Amino acid sequence: PNPRFKGVTGLGPRGDAIAEADWCLGELLKTLEKE
């Protein structure tokens, strides 16, 4: 995961990668709303 997600879950890189994916999903939803 990008360094800004490092340690956000306490579950190591696997958990942080899932948190990153969730954030990406949120940003995609924002784009659909914006457009």
Full PDB file with SEQRES, HELIX, SHEET, SSBOND, CRYST1, ORIGX, SCALE, CONECT and MASTER records, all heavy atoms in Angstrom:
SEQRES   1 A   35  PRO ASN PRO ARG PHE LYS GLY VAL THR GLY LEU GLY PRO          
SEQRES   2 A   35  ARG GLY ASP ALA ILE ALA GLU ALA ASP TRP CYS LEU GLY          
SEQRES   3 A   35  GLU LEU LEU LYS THR LEU GLU LYS GLU                          
HELIX    1 AA1 PRO A    3  PHE A    5  5                                   3    
HELIX    2 AA2 GLY A   12  LYS A   34  1                                  23    
CRYST1    1.000    1.000    1.000  90.00  90.00  90.00 P 1           1          
ORIGX1      1.000000  0.000000  0.000000        0.00000                         
ORIGX2      0.000000  1.000000  0.000000        0.00000                         
ORIGX3      0.000000  0.000000  1.000000        0.00000                         
SCALE1      1.000000  0.000000  0.000000        0.00000                         
SCALE2      0.000000  1.000000  0.000000        0.00000                         
SCALE3      0.000000  0.000000  1.000000        0.00000                         
ATOM      1  N   PRO A   1       0.823  -1.211   0.000  1.00  0.00           N  
ATOM      2  CA  PRO A   1       0.000   0.000   0.000  1.00  0.00           C  
ATOM      3  C   PRO A   1       0.856   1.260   0.000  1.00  0.00           C  
ATOM      4  O   PRO A   1       2.014   1.244   0.439  1.00  0.00           O  
ATOM      5  CB  PRO A   1      -0.803  -0.124   1.298  1.00  0.00           C  
ATOM      6  CG  PRO A   1       0.019  -1.020   2.176  1.00  0.00           C  
ATOM      7  CD  PRO A   1       0.673  -1.992   1.233  1.00  0.00           C  
ATOM      8  N   ASN A   2       0.297   2.329  -0.506  1.00  0.00           N  
ATOM      9  CA  ASN A   2       0.978   3.617  -0.473  1.00  0.00           C  
ATOM     10  C   ASN A   2       1.371   3.953   0.970  1.00  0.00           C  
ATOM     11  O   ASN A   2       0.628   3.623   1.904  1.00  0.00           O  
ATOM     12  CB  ASN A   2       0.053   4.687  -1.042  1.00  0.00           C  
ATOM     13  CG  ASN A   2       0.762   6.004  -1.262  1.00  0.00           C  
ATOM     14  OD1 ASN A   2       1.028   6.743  -0.312  1.00  0.00           O  
ATOM     15  ND2 ASN A   2       1.065   6.297  -2.507  1.00  0.00           N  
ATOM     16  N   PRO A   3       2.520   4.584   1.180  1.00  0.00           N  
ATOM     17  CA  PRO A   3       2.973   4.899   2.552  1.00  0.00           C  
ATOM     18  C   PRO A   3       1.938   5.618   3.407  1.00  0.00           C  
ATOM     19  O   PRO A   3       1.965   5.483   4.638  1.00  0.00           O  
ATOM     20  CB  PRO A   3       4.204   5.784   2.304  1.00  0.00           C  
ATOM     21  CG  PRO A   3       4.749   5.306   1.005  1.00  0.00           C  
ATOM     22  CD  PRO A   3       3.545   4.948   0.168  1.00  0.00           C  
ATOM     23  N   ARG A   4       1.028   6.380   2.794  1.00  0.00           N  
ATOM     24  CA  ARG A   4       0.037   7.094   3.615  1.00  0.00           C  
ATOM     25  C   ARG A   4      -0.966   6.142   4.283  1.00  0.00           C  
ATOM     26  O   ARG A   4      -1.711   6.546   5.178  1.00  0.00           O  
ATOM     27  CB  ARG A   4      -0.701   8.141   2.784  1.00  0.00           C  
ATOM     28  CG  ARG A   4      -1.585   7.609   1.691  1.00  0.00           C  
ATOM     29  CD  ARG A   4      -2.236   8.770   0.926  1.00  0.00           C  
ATOM     30  NE  ARG A   4      -3.158   8.322  -0.089  1.00  0.00           N  
ATOM     31  CZ  ARG A   4      -2.833   7.971  -1.321  1.00  0.00           C  
ATOM     32  NH1 ARG A   4      -1.547   8.030  -1.694  1.00  0.00           N  
ATOM     33  NH2 ARG A   4      -3.732   7.567  -2.180  1.00  0.00           N  
ATOM     34  N   PHE A   5      -0.962   4.863   3.858  1.00  0.00           N  
ATOM     35  CA  PHE A   5      -1.855   3.877   4.486  1.00  0.00           C  
ATOM     36  C   PHE A   5      -1.096   2.956   5.447  1.00  0.00           C  
ATOM     37  O   PHE A   5      -1.707   2.088   6.070  1.00  0.00           O  
ATOM     38  CB  PHE A   5      -2.545   3.026   3.413  1.00  0.00           C  
ATOM     39  CG  PHE A   5      -3.554   3.788   2.610  1.00  0.00           C  
ATOM     40  CD1 PHE A   5      -3.206   4.326   1.384  1.00  0.00           C  
ATOM     41  CD2 PHE A   5      -4.833   3.992   3.089  1.00  0.00           C  
ATOM     42  CE1 PHE A   5      -4.122   5.043   0.632  1.00  0.00           C  
ATOM     43  CE2 PHE A   5      -5.759   4.714   2.353  1.00  0.00           C  
ATOM     44  CZ  PHE A   5      -5.408   5.247   1.122  1.00  0.00           C  
ATOM     45  N   LYS A   6       0.207   3.149   5.548  1.00  0.00           N  
ATOM     46  CA  LYS A   6       1.004   2.265   6.378  1.00  0.00           C  
ATOM     47  C   LYS A   6       0.583   2.354   7.844  1.00  0.00           C  
ATOM     48  O   LYS A   6       0.565   3.430   8.438  1.00  0.00           O  
ATOM     49  CB  LYS A   6       2.495   2.604   6.246  1.00  0.00           C  
ATOM     50  CG  LYS A   6       3.399   1.635   6.998  1.00  0.00           C  
ATOM     51  CD  LYS A   6       4.873   1.951   6.776  1.00  0.00           C  
ATOM     52  CE  LYS A   6       5.771   0.966   7.508  1.00  0.00           C  
ATOM     53  NZ  LYS A   6       7.212   1.252   7.300  1.00  0.00           N  
ATOM     54  N   GLY A   7       0.225   1.224   8.406  1.00  0.00           N  
ATOM     55  CA  GLY A   7      -0.121   1.142   9.821  1.00  0.00           C  
ATOM     56  C   GLY A   7      -1.528   1.565  10.178  1.00  0.00           C  
ATOM     57  O   GLY A   7      -1.888   1.571  11.364  1.00  0.00           O  
ATOM     58  N   VAL A   8      -2.375   1.902   9.207  1.00  0.00           N  
ATOM     59  CA  VAL A   8      -3.703   2.439   9.541  1.00  0.00           C  
ATOM     60  C   VAL A   8      -4.632   1.385  10.133  1.00  0.00           C  
ATOM     61  O   VAL A   8      -5.596   1.714  10.829  1.00  0.00           O  
ATOM     62  CB  VAL A   8      -4.376   3.095   8.310  1.00  0.00           C  
ATOM     63  CG1 VAL A   8      -3.580   4.294   7.844  1.00  0.00           C  
ATOM     64  CG2 VAL A   8      -4.580   2.094   7.188  1.00  0.00           C  
ATOM     65  N   THR A   9      -4.355   0.097   9.868  1.00  0.00           N  
ATOM     66  CA  THR A   9      -5.253  -0.939  10.381  1.00  0.00           C  
ATOM     67  C   THR A   9      -4.679  -1.720  11.548  1.00  0.00           C  
ATOM     68  O   THR A   9      -5.438  -2.362  12.284  1.00  0.00           O  
ATOM     69  CB  THR A   9      -5.590  -1.953   9.271  1.00  0.00           C  
ATOM     70  OG1 THR A   9      -4.390  -2.654   8.874  1.00  0.00           O  
ATOM     71  CG2 THR A   9      -6.198  -1.259   8.061  1.00  0.00           C  
ATOM     72  N   GLY A  10      -3.360  -1.688  11.692  1.00  0.00           N  
ATOM     73  CA  GLY A  10      -2.731  -2.503  12.724  1.00  0.00           C  
ATOM     74  C   GLY A  10      -2.634  -3.965  12.337  1.00  0.00           C  
ATOM     75  O   GLY A  10      -2.188  -4.796  13.134  1.00  0.00           O  
ATOM     76  N   LEU A  11      -3.047  -4.312  11.130  1.00  0.00           N  
ATOM     77  CA  LEU A  11      -3.036  -5.697  10.674  1.00  0.00           C  
ATOM     78  C   LEU A  11      -1.893  -5.977   9.703  1.00  0.00           C  
ATOM     79  O   LEU A  11      -1.880  -7.012   9.034  1.00  0.00           O  
ATOM     80  CB  LEU A  11      -4.373  -6.040  10.001  1.00  0.00           C  
ATOM     81  CG  LEU A  11      -5.615  -5.968  10.892  1.00  0.00           C  
ATOM     82  CD1 LEU A  11      -6.874  -6.266  10.079  1.00  0.00           C  
ATOM     83  CD2 LEU A  11      -5.503  -6.952  12.045  1.00  0.00           C  
ATOM     84  N   GLY A  12      -0.959  -5.035   9.598  1.00  0.00           N  
ATOM     85  CA  GLY A  12       0.140  -5.225   8.661  1.00  0.00           C  
ATOM     86  C   GLY A  12      -0.250  -4.826   7.245  1.00  0.00           C  
ATOM     87  O   GLY A  12      -1.354  -4.313   7.002  1.00  0.00           O  
ATOM     88  N   PRO A  13       0.648  -5.063   6.286  1.00  0.00           N  
ATOM     89  CA  PRO A  13       0.398  -4.638   4.907  1.00  0.00           C  
ATOM     90  C   PRO A  13      -0.881  -5.207   4.289  1.00  0.00           C  
ATOM     91  O   PRO A  13      -1.502  -4.543   3.459  1.00  0.00           O  
ATOM     92  CB  PRO A  13       1.634  -5.150   4.167  1.00  0.00           C  
ATOM     93  CG  PRO A  13       2.710  -5.173   5.198  1.00  0.00           C  
ATOM     94  CD  PRO A  13       2.020  -5.582   6.465  1.00  0.00           C  
ATOM     95  N   ARG A  14      -1.281  -6.419   4.686  1.00  0.00           N  
ATOM     96  CA  ARG A  14      -2.510  -6.959   4.100  1.00  0.00           C  
ATOM     97  C   ARG A  14      -3.724  -6.125   4.505  1.00  0.00           C  
ATOM     98  O   ARG A  14      -4.538  -5.734   3.668  1.00  0.00           O  
ATOM     99  CB  ARG A  14      -2.722  -8.423   4.515  1.00  0.00           C  
ATOM    100  CG  ARG A  14      -3.950  -9.028   3.824  1.00  0.00           C  
ATOM    101  CD  ARG A  14      -4.186 -10.493   4.183  1.00  0.00           C  
ATOM    102  NE  ARG A  14      -5.283 -11.016   3.371  1.00  0.00           N  
ATOM    103  CZ  ARG A  14      -6.563 -10.887   3.671  1.00  0.00           C  
ATOM    104  NH1 ARG A  14      -6.924 -10.265   4.801  1.00  0.00           N  
ATOM    105  NH2 ARG A  14      -7.504 -11.364   2.869  1.00  0.00           N  
ATOM    106  N   GLY A  15      -3.834  -5.842   5.780  1.00  0.00           N  
ATOM    107  CA  GLY A  15      -4.951  -5.010   6.238  1.00  0.00           C  
ATOM    108  C   GLY A  15      -4.886  -3.617   5.655  1.00  0.00           C  
ATOM    109  O   GLY A  15      -5.907  -3.048   5.243  1.00  0.00           O  
ATOM    110  N   ASP A  16      -3.675  -3.055   5.593  1.00  0.00           N  
ATOM    111  CA  ASP A  16      -3.508  -1.701   5.059  1.00  0.00           C  
ATOM    112  C   ASP A  16      -3.862  -1.654   3.570  1.00  0.00           C  
ATOM    113  O   ASP A  16      -4.393  -0.656   3.079  1.00  0.00           O  
ATOM    114  CB  ASP A  16      -2.074  -1.222   5.280  1.00  0.00           C  
ATOM    115  CG  ASP A  16      -1.717  -1.101   6.754  1.00  0.00           C  
ATOM    116  OD1 ASP A  16      -2.638  -1.130   7.597  1.00  0.00           O  
ATOM    117  OD2 ASP A  16      -0.522  -0.990   7.062  1.00  0.00           O  
ATOM    118  N   ALA A  17      -3.560  -2.735   2.840  1.00  0.00           N  
ATOM    119  CA  ALA A  17      -3.898  -2.794   1.417  1.00  0.00           C  
ATOM    120  C   ALA A  17      -5.414  -2.815   1.218  1.00  0.00           C  
ATOM    121  O   ALA A  17      -5.942  -2.233   0.260  1.00  0.00           O  
ATOM    122  CB  ALA A  17      -3.266  -4.025   0.770  1.00  0.00           C  
ATOM    123  N   ILE A  18      -6.124  -3.471   2.123  1.00  0.00           N  
ATOM    124  CA  ILE A  18      -7.590  -3.492   2.043  1.00  0.00           C  
ATOM    125  C   ILE A  18      -8.148  -2.101   2.353  1.00  0.00           C  
ATOM    126  O   ILE A  18      -9.082  -1.627   1.702  1.00  0.00           O  
ATOM    127  CB  ILE A  18      -8.170  -4.557   2.991  1.00  0.00           C  
ATOM    128  CG1 ILE A  18      -7.764  -5.956   2.512  1.00  0.00           C  
ATOM    129  CG2 ILE A  18      -9.693  -4.442   3.071  1.00  0.00           C  
ATOM    130  CD1 ILE A  18      -8.136  -7.077   3.463  1.00  0.00           C  
ATOM    131  N   ALA A  19      -7.546  -1.429   3.343  1.00  0.00           N  
ATOM    132  CA  ALA A  19      -7.959  -0.054   3.655  1.00  0.00           C  
ATOM    133  C   ALA A  19      -7.724   0.860   2.457  1.00  0.00           C  
ATOM    134  O   ALA A  19      -8.537   1.736   2.150  1.00  0.00           O  
ATOM    135  CB  ALA A  19      -7.202   0.458   4.879  1.00  0.00           C  
ATOM    136  N   GLU A  20      -6.595   0.664   1.769  1.00  0.00           N  
ATOM    137  CA  GLU A  20      -6.290   1.439   0.579  1.00  0.00           C  
ATOM    138  C   GLU A  20      -7.317   1.176  -0.518  1.00  0.00           C  
ATOM    139  O   GLU A  20      -7.804   2.103  -1.182  1.00  0.00           O  
ATOM    140  CB  GLU A  20      -4.895   1.078   0.075  1.00  0.00           C  
ATOM    141  CG  GLU A  20      -4.483   1.799  -1.207  1.00  0.00           C  
ATOM    142  CD  GLU A  20      -3.150   1.297  -1.730  1.00  0.00           C  
ATOM    143  OE1 GLU A  20      -3.014   0.067  -1.926  1.00  0.00           O  
ATOM    144  OE2 GLU A  20      -2.245   2.121  -1.937  1.00  0.00           O  
ATOM    145  N   ALA A  21      -7.668  -0.095  -0.709  1.00  0.00           N  
ATOM    146  CA  ALA A  21      -8.664  -0.449  -1.720  1.00  0.00           C  
ATOM    147  C   ALA A  21     -10.016   0.186  -1.395  1.00  0.00           C  
ATOM    148  O   ALA A  21     -10.724   0.670  -2.291  1.00  0.00           O  
ATOM    149  CB  ALA A  21      -8.805  -1.966  -1.806  1.00  0.00           C  
ATOM    150  N   ASP A  22     -10.360   0.204  -0.125  1.00  0.00           N  
ATOM    151  CA  ASP A  22     -11.631   0.818   0.286  1.00  0.00           C  
ATOM    152  C   ASP A  22     -11.624   2.316  -0.024  1.00  0.00           C  
ATOM    153  O   ASP A  22     -12.621   2.873  -0.498  1.00  0.00           O  
ATOM    154  CB  ASP A  22     -11.855   0.585   1.782  1.00  0.00           C  
ATOM    155  CG  ASP A  22     -13.215   1.076   2.241  1.00  0.00           C  
ATOM    156  OD1 ASP A  22     -14.205   0.363   2.006  1.00  0.00           O  
ATOM    157  OD2 ASP A  22     -13.275   2.183   2.806  1.00  0.00           O  
ATOM    158  N   TRP A  23     -10.494   2.961   0.233  1.00  0.00           N  
ATOM    159  CA  TRP A  23     -10.363   4.394  -0.087  1.00  0.00           C  
ATOM    160  C   TRP A  23     -10.502   4.620  -1.583  1.00  0.00           C  
ATOM    161  O   TRP A  23     -11.184   5.563  -2.021  1.00  0.00           O  
ATOM    162  CB  TRP A  23      -9.010   4.907   0.402  1.00  0.00           C  
ATOM    163  CG  TRP A  23      -8.747   6.329   0.013  1.00  0.00           C  
ATOM    164  CD1 TRP A  23      -9.173   7.456   0.661  1.00  0.00           C  
ATOM    165  CD2 TRP A  23      -8.009   6.787  -1.139  1.00  0.00           C  
ATOM    166  NE1 TRP A  23      -8.750   8.584  -0.013  1.00  0.00           N  
ATOM    167  CE2 TRP A  23      -8.042   8.200  -1.118  1.00  0.00           C  
ATOM    168  CE3 TRP A  23      -7.346   6.135  -2.166  1.00  0.00           C  
ATOM    169  CZ2 TRP A  23      -7.418   8.974  -2.101  1.00  0.00           C  
ATOM    170  CZ3 TRP A  23      -6.724   6.894  -3.139  1.00  0.00           C  
ATOM    171  CH2 TRP A  23      -6.760   8.301  -3.104  1.00  0.00           C  
ATOM    172  N   CYS A  24      -9.867   3.761  -2.394  1.00  0.00           N  
ATOM    173  CA  CYS A  24      -9.979   3.877  -3.856  1.00  0.00           C  
ATOM    174  C   CYS A  24     -11.431   3.779  -4.294  1.00  0.00           C  
ATOM    175  O   CYS A  24     -11.887   4.530  -5.177  1.00  0.00           O  
ATOM    176  CB  CYS A  24      -9.160   2.785  -4.537  1.00  0.00           C  
ATOM    177  SG  CYS A  24      -7.366   2.979  -4.409  1.00  0.00           S  
ATOM    178  N   LEU A  25     -12.169   2.855  -3.689  1.00  0.00           N  
ATOM    179  CA  LEU A  25     -13.588   2.712  -4.012  1.00  0.00           C  
ATOM    180  C   LEU A  25     -14.344   3.993  -3.693  1.00  0.00           C  
ATOM    181  O   LEU A  25     -15.173   4.457  -4.483  1.00  0.00           O  
ATOM    182  CB  LEU A  25     -14.178   1.534  -3.226  1.00  0.00           C  
ATOM    183  CG  LEU A  25     -15.690   1.320  -3.361  1.00  0.00           C  
ATOM    184  CD1 LEU A  25     -16.079   1.084  -4.815  1.00  0.00           C  
ATOM    185  CD2 LEU A  25     -16.125   0.145  -2.484  1.00  0.00           C  
ATOM    186  N   GLY A  26     -14.035   4.596  -2.545  1.00  0.00           N  
ATOM    187  CA  GLY A  26     -14.681   5.855  -2.168  1.00  0.00           C  
ATOM    188  C   GLY A  26     -14.388   6.966  -3.154  1.00  0.00           C  
ATOM    189  O   GLY A  26     -15.278   7.752  -3.516  1.00  0.00           O  
ATOM    190  N   GLU A  27     -13.138   7.045  -3.612  1.00  0.00           N  
ATOM    191  CA  GLU A  27     -12.771   8.069  -4.596  1.00  0.00           C  
ATOM    192  C   GLU A  27     -13.464   7.833  -5.934  1.00  0.00           C  
ATOM    193  O   GLU A  27     -13.857   8.785  -6.617  1.00  0.00           O  
ATOM    194  CB  GLU A  27     -11.250   8.084  -4.786  1.00  0.00           C  
ATOM    195  CG  GLU A  27     -10.469   8.536  -3.562  1.00  0.00           C  
ATOM    196  CD  GLU A  27     -10.869   9.925  -3.093  1.00  0.00           C  
ATOM    197  OE1 GLU A  27     -10.712  10.877  -3.890  1.00  0.00           O  
ATOM    198  OE2 GLU A  27     -11.344  10.045  -1.955  1.00  0.00           O  
ATOM    199  N   LEU A  28     -13.633   6.577  -6.299  1.00  0.00           N  
ATOM    200  CA  LEU A  28     -14.337   6.260  -7.545  1.00  0.00           C  
ATOM    201  C   LEU A  28     -15.803   6.686  -7.450  1.00  0.00           C  
ATOM    202  O   LEU A  28     -16.364   7.242  -8.409  1.00  0.00           O  
ATOM    203  CB  LEU A  28     -14.241   4.766  -7.842  1.00  0.00           C  
ATOM    204  CG  LEU A  28     -14.659   4.378  -9.265  1.00  0.00           C  
ATOM    205  CD1 LEU A  28     -13.531   4.690 -10.243  1.00  0.00           C  
ATOM    206  CD2 LEU A  28     -15.024   2.897  -9.340  1.00  0.00           C  
ATOM    207  N   LEU A  29     -16.413   6.455  -6.301  1.00  0.00           N  
ATOM    208  CA  LEU A  29     -17.798   6.876  -6.097  1.00  0.00           C  
ATOM    209  C   LEU A  29     -17.919   8.398  -6.187  1.00  0.00           C  
ATOM    210  O   LEU A  29     -18.878   8.926  -6.754  1.00  0.00           O  
ATOM    211  CB  LEU A  29     -18.306   6.382  -4.736  1.00  0.00           C  
ATOM    212  CG  LEU A  29     -18.502   4.868  -4.597  1.00  0.00           C  
ATOM    213  CD1 LEU A  29     -18.829   4.514  -3.150  1.00  0.00           C  
ATOM    214  CD2 LEU A  29     -19.600   4.373  -5.524  1.00  0.00           C  
ATOM    215  N   LYS A  30     -16.930   9.099  -5.642  1.00  0.00           N  
ATOM    216  CA  LYS A  30     -16.931  10.564  -5.727  1.00  0.00           C  
ATOM    217  C   LYS A  30     -16.879  11.022  -7.180  1.00  0.00           C  
ATOM    218  O   LYS A  30     -17.544  11.998  -7.558  1.00  0.00           O  
ATOM    219  CB  LYS A  30     -15.742  11.144  -4.959  1.00  0.00           C  
ATOM    220  CG  LYS A  30     -15.843  11.041  -3.449  1.00  0.00           C  
ATOM    221  CD  LYS A  30     -14.588  11.610  -2.781  1.00  0.00           C  
ATOM    222  CE  LYS A  30     -14.616  11.441  -1.268  1.00  0.00           C  
ATOM    223  NZ  LYS A  30     -13.357  11.942  -0.651  1.00  0.00           N  
ATOM    224  N   THR A  31     -16.100  10.332  -7.988  1.00  0.00           N  
ATOM    225  CA  THR A  31     -16.000  10.689  -9.407  1.00  0.00           C  
ATOM    226  C   THR A  31     -17.332  10.471 -10.109  1.00  0.00           C  
ATOM    227  O   THR A  31     -17.774  11.316 -10.907  1.00  0.00           O  
ATOM    228  CB  THR A  31     -14.904   9.854 -10.094  1.00  0.00           C  
ATOM    229  OG1 THR A  31     -13.645  10.138  -9.480  1.00  0.00           O  
ATOM    230  CG2 THR A  31     -14.817  10.169 -11.583  1.00  0.00           C  
ATOM    231  N   LEU A  32     -17.991   9.361  -9.827  1.00  0.00           N  
ATOM    232  CA  LEU A  32     -19.299   9.095 -10.427  1.00  0.00           C  
ATOM    233  C   LEU A  32     -20.313  10.160 -10.019  1.00  0.00           C  
ATOM    234  O   LEU A  32     -21.131  10.610 -10.840  1.00  0.00           O  
ATOM    235  CB  LEU A  32     -19.794   7.704 -10.013  1.00  0.00           C  
ATOM    236  CG  LEU A  32     -19.017   6.517 -10.589  1.00  0.00           C  
ATOM    237  CD1 LEU A  32     -19.408   5.228  -9.879  1.00  0.00           C  
ATOM    238  CD2 LEU A  32     -19.269   6.384 -12.090  1.00  0.00           C  
ATOM    239  N   GLU A  33     -20.227  10.597  -8.763  1.00  0.00           N  
ATOM    240  CA  GLU A  33     -21.128  11.661  -8.291  1.00  0.00           C  
ATOM    241  C   GLU A  33     -20.796  12.990  -8.964  1.00  0.00           C  
ATOM    242  O   GLU A  33     -21.686  13.710  -9.435  1.00  0.00           O  
ATOM    243  CB  GLU A  33     -21.006  11.791  -6.762  1.00  0.00           C  
ATOM    244  CG  GLU A  33     -21.634  10.642  -6.007  1.00  0.00           C  
ATOM    245  CD  GLU A  33     -21.412  10.746  -4.504  1.00  0.00           C  
ATOM    246  OE1 GLU A  33     -20.271  11.010  -4.076  1.00  0.00           O  
ATOM    247  OE2 GLU A  33     -22.392  10.568  -3.757  1.00  0.00           O  
ATOM    248  N   LYS A  34     -19.526  13.329  -8.998  1.00  0.00           N  
ATOM    249  CA  LYS A  34     -19.075  14.590  -9.586  1.00  0.00           C  
ATOM    250  C   LYS A  34     -19.478  14.689 -11.050  1.00  0.00           C  
ATOM    251  O   LYS A  34     -19.882  15.769 -11.524  1.00  0.00           O  
ATOM    252  CB  LYS A  34     -17.555  14.707  -9.458  1.00  0.00           C  
ATOM    253  CG  LYS A  34     -16.966  15.957 -10.106  1.00  0.00           C  
ATOM    254  CD  LYS A  34     -15.450  15.951 -10.028  1.00  0.00           C  
ATOM    255  CE  LYS A  34     -14.846  17.129 -10.791  1.00  0.00           C  
ATOM    256  NZ  LYS A  34     -13.350  17.070 -10.779  1.00  0.00           N  
ATOM    257  N   GLU A  35     -19.380  13.594 -11.771  1.00  0.00           N  
ATOM    258  CA  GLU A  35     -19.709  13.596 -13.195  1.00  0.00           C  
ATOM    259  C   GLU A  35     -21.208  13.432 -13.448  1.00  0.00           C  
ATOM    260  O   GLU A  35     -21.654  13.416 -14.596  1.00  0.00           O  
ATOM    261  CB  GLU A  35     -18.939  12.483 -13.917  1.00  0.00           C  
ATOM    262  CG  GLU A  35     -17.430  12.602 -13.825  1.00  0.00           C  
ATOM    263  CD  GLU A  35     -16.886  13.881 -14.453  1.00  0.00           C  
ATOM    264  OE1 GLU A  35     -17.636  14.558 -15.189  1.00  0.00           O  
ATOM    265  OE2 GLU A  35     -15.710  14.220 -14.202  1.00  0.00           O  
TER     266      GLU A  35                                                      
MASTER        0    0    0    2    0    0    0    6  265    1    0    3          
END                                                                             
